[in-house]
Protein backbone atom coordinates (compact mmCIF):
# COMPACT_ATOMS: atom_id res chain seq x y z
CA MET A 1 1.68 5.60 -28.05
CA ILE A 2 2.41 2.89 -25.49
CA LYS A 3 -0.39 0.41 -25.02
CA PRO A 4 -1.16 -0.19 -21.30
CA LYS A 5 -0.70 -3.72 -20.03
CA ARG A 6 -3.84 -5.74 -19.48
CA ARG A 7 -4.77 -6.27 -15.86
CA THR A 8 -4.60 -9.80 -14.57
CA ARG A 9 -6.91 -11.17 -11.90
CA ALA A 10 -4.23 -10.50 -9.28
CA THR A 11 -3.49 -6.93 -10.37
CA ARG A 12 -7.21 -6.19 -10.63
CA PHE A 13 -7.62 -7.34 -6.99
CA ILE A 14 -4.68 -5.15 -5.92
CA TRP A 15 -6.11 -2.11 -7.77
CA GLN A 16 -9.47 -2.71 -6.07
CA ALA A 17 -7.80 -2.69 -2.65
CA TYR A 18 -6.02 0.54 -3.59
CA ASP A 19 -9.32 2.10 -4.72
CA ARG A 20 -11.04 1.13 -1.45
CA MET A 21 -8.24 2.72 0.58
CA LYS A 22 -8.24 5.92 -1.54
CA THR A 23 -12.02 6.19 -1.34
CA ALA A 24 -11.86 5.80 2.44
CA GLY A 25 -9.28 8.61 2.59
CA ILE A 26 -6.56 6.51 4.17
CA ASP A 27 -2.98 7.62 3.58
CA VAL A 28 0.14 5.43 3.60
CA ASP A 29 3.62 6.94 3.87
CA CYS A 30 6.70 4.74 3.59
CA ASP A 31 10.29 5.86 3.98
CA SER A 32 12.82 3.09 3.50
CA ALA A 33 15.78 5.39 4.29
CA TYR A 34 14.49 5.87 7.85
CA SER A 35 12.67 2.51 8.13
CA ILE A 36 9.27 4.01 8.91
CA VAL A 37 5.72 3.40 7.71
CA ALA A 38 2.71 5.50 8.74
CA ILE A 39 -0.87 4.53 7.93
CA THR A 40 -3.24 7.38 8.74
CA SER A 41 -7.04 7.53 8.95
CA PRO A 42 -8.91 10.26 7.06
CA ASP A 43 -9.68 12.21 10.25
CA HIS A 44 -6.06 11.80 11.45
CA LEU A 45 -7.32 10.48 14.79
CA ASP A 46 -6.06 6.95 14.15
CA GLU A 47 -2.58 6.12 12.98
CA ILE A 48 -0.53 2.99 12.70
CA PHE A 49 3.17 3.72 12.93
CA MET A 50 5.82 1.12 12.19
CA GLN A 51 9.56 1.50 12.48
CA GLY A 52 12.65 -0.62 12.43
CA ASP A 53 12.26 -4.31 11.56
CA GLU A 54 8.48 -4.12 11.32
CA ALA A 55 8.64 -1.26 8.79
CA ASP A 56 11.47 -2.95 6.88
CA SER A 57 9.38 -6.10 6.59
CA PHE A 58 6.36 -4.12 5.29
CA ILE A 59 8.52 -2.23 2.77
CA ASP A 60 10.17 -5.48 1.67
CA GLU A 61 6.74 -7.04 1.00
CA CYS A 62 5.78 -3.96 -1.05
CA ARG A 63 8.94 -4.32 -3.11
CA LYS A 64 8.26 -8.03 -3.67
CA MET A 65 4.77 -7.24 -4.96
CA TRP A 66 6.12 -4.41 -7.14
CA THR A 67 8.79 -6.74 -8.57
CA ARG A 68 6.27 -9.51 -9.23
CA TYR A 69 3.78 -7.14 -10.89
CA PRO A 70 5.89 -4.46 -12.61
CA SER A 71 2.80 -2.79 -14.10
CA LEU A 72 1.81 -1.65 -10.59
CA PRO A 73 3.11 1.63 -9.16
CA MET A 74 4.78 1.33 -5.75
CA ASP A 75 2.13 3.46 -4.02
CA VAL A 76 -0.57 1.03 -5.19
CA CYS A 77 1.39 -1.86 -3.64
CA GLU A 78 1.78 0.07 -0.37
CA MET A 79 -1.91 0.90 -0.15
CA ALA A 80 -3.03 -2.64 -0.99
CA LEU A 81 -0.72 -4.19 1.61
CA ALA A 82 -1.81 -1.66 4.24
CA GLU A 83 -5.51 -2.46 3.84
CA PRO A 84 -5.64 -5.31 6.42
CA TYR A 85 -4.14 -2.96 9.05
CA THR A 86 -7.17 -0.67 8.70
CA ASP A 87 -9.96 -3.26 8.98
CA LEU A 88 -10.86 -2.23 12.53
CA TRP A 89 -11.24 1.45 11.61
CA SER A 90 -14.55 0.98 9.81
């Protein structure tokens, strides 16, 4: 049995951001092959859509976080980094 890695203060903060986004029902879809990122509200009435350089920059930041904290899944990094984009939805 593999023992899970202990959460650091930073990873705990990132997991909390992920949990807030999941609880709110917000969805984040990233596709690096097509350079697109879509952040969707739970009612699907609001959406933030990025493409091109803006999406590449967002995806690059996700990869940097994932590389720095290898215990985090990529979808957790995407959700945590997308949280500031959704501040005005609440």
